[in-house]
């Protein structure tokens, strides 16, 4: 009888330890993100945690607004916007590739540790057309992204585009996307509830542009 009780206690202990470890693993990315952002006045090298981004989505469907995961399956006619936050000082560019192959800029500018930014700031991204995966790329860098000077970026007030011609901008954008995504292979990407975290191993790793992709599922 005593051996049975001991066996049950040992089994329960292992189960408890497993649950604790699982819970720690699930919250690891969130904790690393929050830790890095808690000491903005310290140099990046001396801060605990990992630099990166947090992304979730606003979904407007049938005139009802909700916050959802980037894994949410989208329907034709849905309208979406991204709620994005970063825990580093630097730059962020958000792009997507249309069915024609054209790279579109959804956001480009300087960022700092803050609460959610809405992308786009006003209005919505409408989900239309053929079903499939729509890819949105997030490019992070603590240093200025030199390609920004070569890329035509529509002015916030709807005025004329900036920088060089469309063809040259598309070439620069495609090269930037490719290089950043290649450099971002080592990023830790983790979903936690309705939030997606993308984290670099250290501040040094985002001195040059690094990117990650979110695939939106369009039914």
Protein backbone atom coordinates (compact mmCIF):
# COMPACT_ATOMS: atom_id res chain seq x y z
CA UNK A 1 0.00 0.00 0.00
CA UNK A 2 2.84 2.36 0.96
CA UNK A 3 4.63 1.68 -2.34
CA UNK A 4 1.44 2.49 -4.25
CA UNK A 5 1.05 5.81 -2.42
CA UNK A 6 4.70 6.71 -3.09
CA UNK A 7 4.30 5.84 -6.77
CA UNK A 8 1.19 8.03 -6.99
CA UNK A 9 2.99 10.91 -5.26
CA UNK A 10 6.00 10.63 -7.60
CA UNK A 11 3.70 10.49 -10.60
CA UNK A 12 1.83 13.59 -9.39
CA UNK A 13 5.11 15.42 -8.82
CA UNK A 14 6.29 14.68 -12.35
CA UNK A 15 2.95 15.85 -13.75
CA UNK A 16 3.16 19.08 -11.76
CA UNK A 17 6.73 19.72 -12.92
CA UNK A 18 5.71 19.04 -16.53
CA UNK A 19 2.81 21.52 -16.29
CA UNK A 20 5.08 24.19 -14.79
CA UNK A 21 7.69 23.68 -17.52
CA UNK A 22 5.00 23.77 -20.21
CA UNK A 23 3.57 27.00 -18.82
CA UNK A 24 7.04 28.56 -18.69
CA UNK A 25 7.71 27.50 -22.28
CA UNK A 26 4.40 28.96 -23.47
CA UNK A 27 5.12 32.34 -21.90
CA UNK A 28 8.82 32.42 -22.75
CA UNK A 29 8.57 34.71 -25.78
CA UNK A 30 6.20 37.11 -24.04
CA UNK A 31 8.45 37.28 -20.97
CA UNK A 32 11.58 37.89 -23.06
CA UNK A 33 9.78 40.62 -24.98
CA UNK A 34 8.53 42.35 -21.84
CA UNK A 35 11.87 42.04 -20.02
CA UNK A 36 13.79 43.79 -22.80
CA UNK A 37 11.27 46.60 -22.88
CA UNK A 38 11.28 47.21 -19.12
CA UNK A 39 14.65 49.01 -19.02
CA UNK A 40 14.64 51.42 -21.99
CA UNK A 41 17.21 53.69 -20.32
CA UNK A 42 19.83 50.94 -20.14
CA UNK A 43 22.10 50.20 -23.10
CA UNK A 44 20.79 47.38 -25.28
CA UNK A 45 23.74 45.16 -24.30
CA UNK A 46 22.88 45.40 -20.58
CA UNK A 47 19.16 44.72 -20.93
CA UNK A 48 17.65 41.33 -20.20
CA UNK A 49 15.27 39.70 -22.60
CA UNK A 50 15.16 39.95 -26.39
CA UNK A 51 14.37 42.75 -28.84
CA UNK A 52 11.52 42.24 -31.25
CA UNK A 53 7.91 42.81 -32.20
CA UNK A 54 4.44 41.84 -31.04
CA UNK A 55 1.61 41.58 -33.57
CA UNK A 56 -2.11 40.93 -33.37
CA UNK A 57 -5.01 41.78 -35.68
CA UNK A 58 -8.14 43.86 -35.69
CA UNK A 59 -10.89 42.11 -37.61
CA UNK A 60 -14.00 43.85 -38.87
CA UNK A 61 -16.53 41.26 -40.02
CA UNK A 62 -20.22 41.94 -40.53
CA UNK A 63 -19.71 45.32 -38.84
CA UNK A 64 -18.43 43.62 -35.68
CA UNK A 65 -14.93 44.52 -34.45
CA UNK A 66 -12.75 41.99 -32.64
CA UNK A 67 -9.07 41.41 -31.79
CA UNK A 68 -7.84 38.10 -33.19
CA UNK A 69 -4.69 36.10 -33.76
CA UNK A 70 -2.79 36.39 -37.03
CA UNK A 71 -3.72 32.71 -37.44
CA UNK A 72 -7.41 33.61 -37.84
CA UNK A 73 -8.95 32.35 -41.08
CA UNK A 74 -10.15 35.32 -43.13
CA UNK A 75 -13.23 35.51 -45.33
CA UNK A 76 -13.84 37.48 -48.48
CA UNK A 77 -14.98 40.98 -47.54
CA UNK A 78 -13.28 41.00 -44.14
CA UNK A 79 -11.40 44.15 -43.18
CA UNK A 80 -8.26 43.93 -41.09
CA UNK A 81 -5.61 46.11 -39.47
CA UNK A 82 -2.52 45.16 -37.48
CA UNK A 83 -1.86 46.11 -33.89
CA UNK A 84 1.92 46.13 -33.70
CA UNK A 85 4.30 47.02 -30.90
CA UNK A 86 8.10 46.91 -30.54
CA UNK A 87 10.40 46.94 -27.52
CA UNK A 88 13.44 48.49 -29.24
CA UNK A 89 14.44 51.91 -30.56
CA UNK A 90 14.89 51.94 -34.31
CA UNK A 91 12.98 51.35 -37.51
CA UNK A 92 10.16 49.17 -38.78
CA UNK A 93 8.86 48.47 -42.26
CA UNK A 94 5.75 46.41 -43.00
CA UNK A 95 5.18 45.17 -46.55
CA UNK A 96 3.05 42.70 -48.42
CA UNK A 97 3.36 41.09 -51.83
CA UNK A 98 0.30 41.28 -54.06
CA UNK A 99 -0.80 38.58 -56.48
CA UNK A 100 0.90 40.57 -59.28
CA UNK A 101 4.21 40.31 -57.45
CA UNK A 102 4.24 44.01 -56.56
CA UNK A 103 5.57 44.79 -53.08
CA UNK A 104 3.34 47.23 -51.20
CA UNK A 105 4.41 49.27 -48.18
CA UNK A 106 1.92 49.24 -45.32
CA UNK A 107 4.17 51.09 -42.87
CA UNK A 108 7.67 52.54 -42.84
CA UNK A 109 9.24 54.73 -40.19
CA UNK A 110 10.98 55.13 -36.85
CA UNK A 111 9.65 53.28 -33.83
CA UNK A 112 10.29 53.17 -30.09
CA UNK A 113 9.05 51.00 -27.23
CA UNK A 114 5.38 51.82 -27.00
CA UNK A 115 1.90 50.40 -26.83
CA UNK A 116 0.21 49.14 -29.98
CA UNK A 117 0.55 51.06 -33.24
CA UNK A 118 -2.26 50.57 -35.73
CA UNK A 119 -1.24 49.67 -39.28
CA UNK A 120 -2.68 51.28 -41.30
CA UNK A 121 -3.17 54.23 -38.95
CA UNK A 122 -6.56 54.94 -40.55
CA UNK A 123 -8.85 52.79 -42.62
CA UNK A 124 -8.59 49.07 -43.32
CA UNK A 125 -6.92 46.42 -45.44
CA UNK A 126 -9.77 44.75 -47.31
CA UNK A 127 -9.62 41.00 -47.94
CA UNK A 128 -10.76 40.32 -51.51
CA UNK A 129 -9.95 38.15 -54.49
CA UNK A 130 -8.79 34.58 -54.74
CA UNK A 131 -8.35 32.54 -51.61
CA UNK A 132 -4.95 31.42 -50.38
CA UNK A 133 -2.16 32.75 -48.20
CA UNK A 134 -1.49 36.49 -48.13
CA UNK A 135 2.03 37.21 -46.90
CA UNK A 136 2.82 40.25 -44.77
CA UNK A 137 6.47 40.95 -43.95
CA UNK A 138 7.72 42.82 -40.88
CA UNK A 139 11.27 44.19 -41.16
CA UNK A 140 13.01 45.38 -37.98
CA UNK A 141 16.27 47.26 -37.53
CA UNK A 142 17.85 49.32 -34.76
CA UNK A 143 19.87 51.20 -37.38
CA UNK A 144 18.53 53.27 -40.29
CA UNK A 145 17.46 51.14 -43.25
CA UNK A 146 19.41 52.59 -46.16
CA UNK A 147 16.91 51.31 -48.74
CA UNK A 148 14.32 53.70 -47.33
CA UNK A 149 16.10 56.45 -49.28
CA UNK A 150 15.62 54.52 -52.53
CA UNK A 151 12.00 53.51 -52.05
CA UNK A 152 8.98 55.53 -53.08
CA UNK A 153 6.85 55.87 -49.96
CA UNK A 154 3.45 57.58 -50.26
CA UNK A 155 3.26 60.66 -48.07
CA UNK A 156 1.05 60.32 -44.99
CA UNK A 157 -1.19 63.14 -46.22
CA UNK A 158 -1.81 61.42 -49.53
CA UNK A 159 0.65 63.66 -51.38
CA UNK A 160 3.20 62.59 -53.99
CA UNK A 161 5.46 59.59 -53.41
CA UNK A 162 8.98 60.14 -52.15
CA UNK A 163 12.40 59.00 -53.47
CA UNK A 164 13.03 57.28 -56.79
CA UNK A 165 10.84 55.92 -59.59
CA UNK A 166 8.44 52.99 -59.17
CA UNK A 167 10.59 50.42 -60.99
CA UNK A 168 13.68 51.28 -58.98
CA UNK A 169 11.68 51.30 -55.76
CA UNK A 170 10.24 47.86 -56.49
CA UNK A 171 13.71 46.47 -57.14
CA UNK A 172 15.07 47.96 -53.90
CA UNK A 173 12.03 46.69 -51.96
CA UNK A 174 12.35 43.17 -53.35
CA UNK A 175 16.05 43.07 -52.46
CA UNK A 176 15.39 44.40 -48.97
CA UNK A 177 12.60 41.87 -48.37
CA UNK A 178 14.76 38.99 -49.55
CA UNK A 179 17.82 39.97 -47.52
CA UNK A 180 15.87 40.78 -44.33
CA UNK A 181 13.90 37.53 -44.42
CA UNK A 182 17.11 35.58 -45.02
CA UNK A 183 18.74 37.30 -42.02
CA UNK A 184 15.60 36.65 -39.96
CA UNK A 185 15.79 32.86 -40.15
CA UNK A 186 17.08 32.69 -36.59
CA UNK A 187 14.29 34.81 -35.12
CA UNK A 188 12.09 33.09 -32.55
CA UNK A 189 8.47 33.25 -33.74
CA UNK A 190 5.86 32.24 -31.20
CA UNK A 191 2.09 32.57 -30.91
CA UNK A 192 0.72 33.31 -27.44
CA UNK A 193 -3.06 33.65 -27.37
CA UNK A 194 -4.02 36.29 -29.93
CA UNK A 195 -0.47 37.70 -30.05
CA UNK A 196 2.47 36.73 -32.27
CA UNK A 197 5.99 37.47 -31.00
CA UNK A 198 9.11 37.69 -33.18
CA UNK A 199 12.33 38.00 -31.19
CA UNK A 200 16.03 38.28 -32.00
CA UNK A 201 18.67 36.56 -29.89
CA UNK A 202 20.33 39.88 -28.99
CA UNK A 203 20.37 43.60 -29.76
CA UNK A 204 23.34 43.00 -32.05
CA UNK A 205 21.16 40.82 -34.28
CA UNK A 206 18.85 43.70 -35.29
CA UNK A 207 21.51 46.28 -36.16
CA UNK A 208 20.90 45.26 -39.78
CA UNK A 209 17.40 44.64 -41.16
CA UNK A 210 15.87 41.32 -40.10
CA UNK A 211 12.42 40.21 -41.15
CA UNK A 212 9.70 37.71 -40.49
CA UNK A 213 6.56 36.79 -42.42
CA UNK A 214 3.01 36.33 -41.27
CA UNK A 215 0.82 34.26 -43.57
CA UNK A 216 -2.80 35.32 -43.50
CA UNK A 217 -5.19 32.52 -44.37
CA UNK A 218 -7.80 33.71 -46.85
CA UNK A 219 -10.57 31.15 -47.31
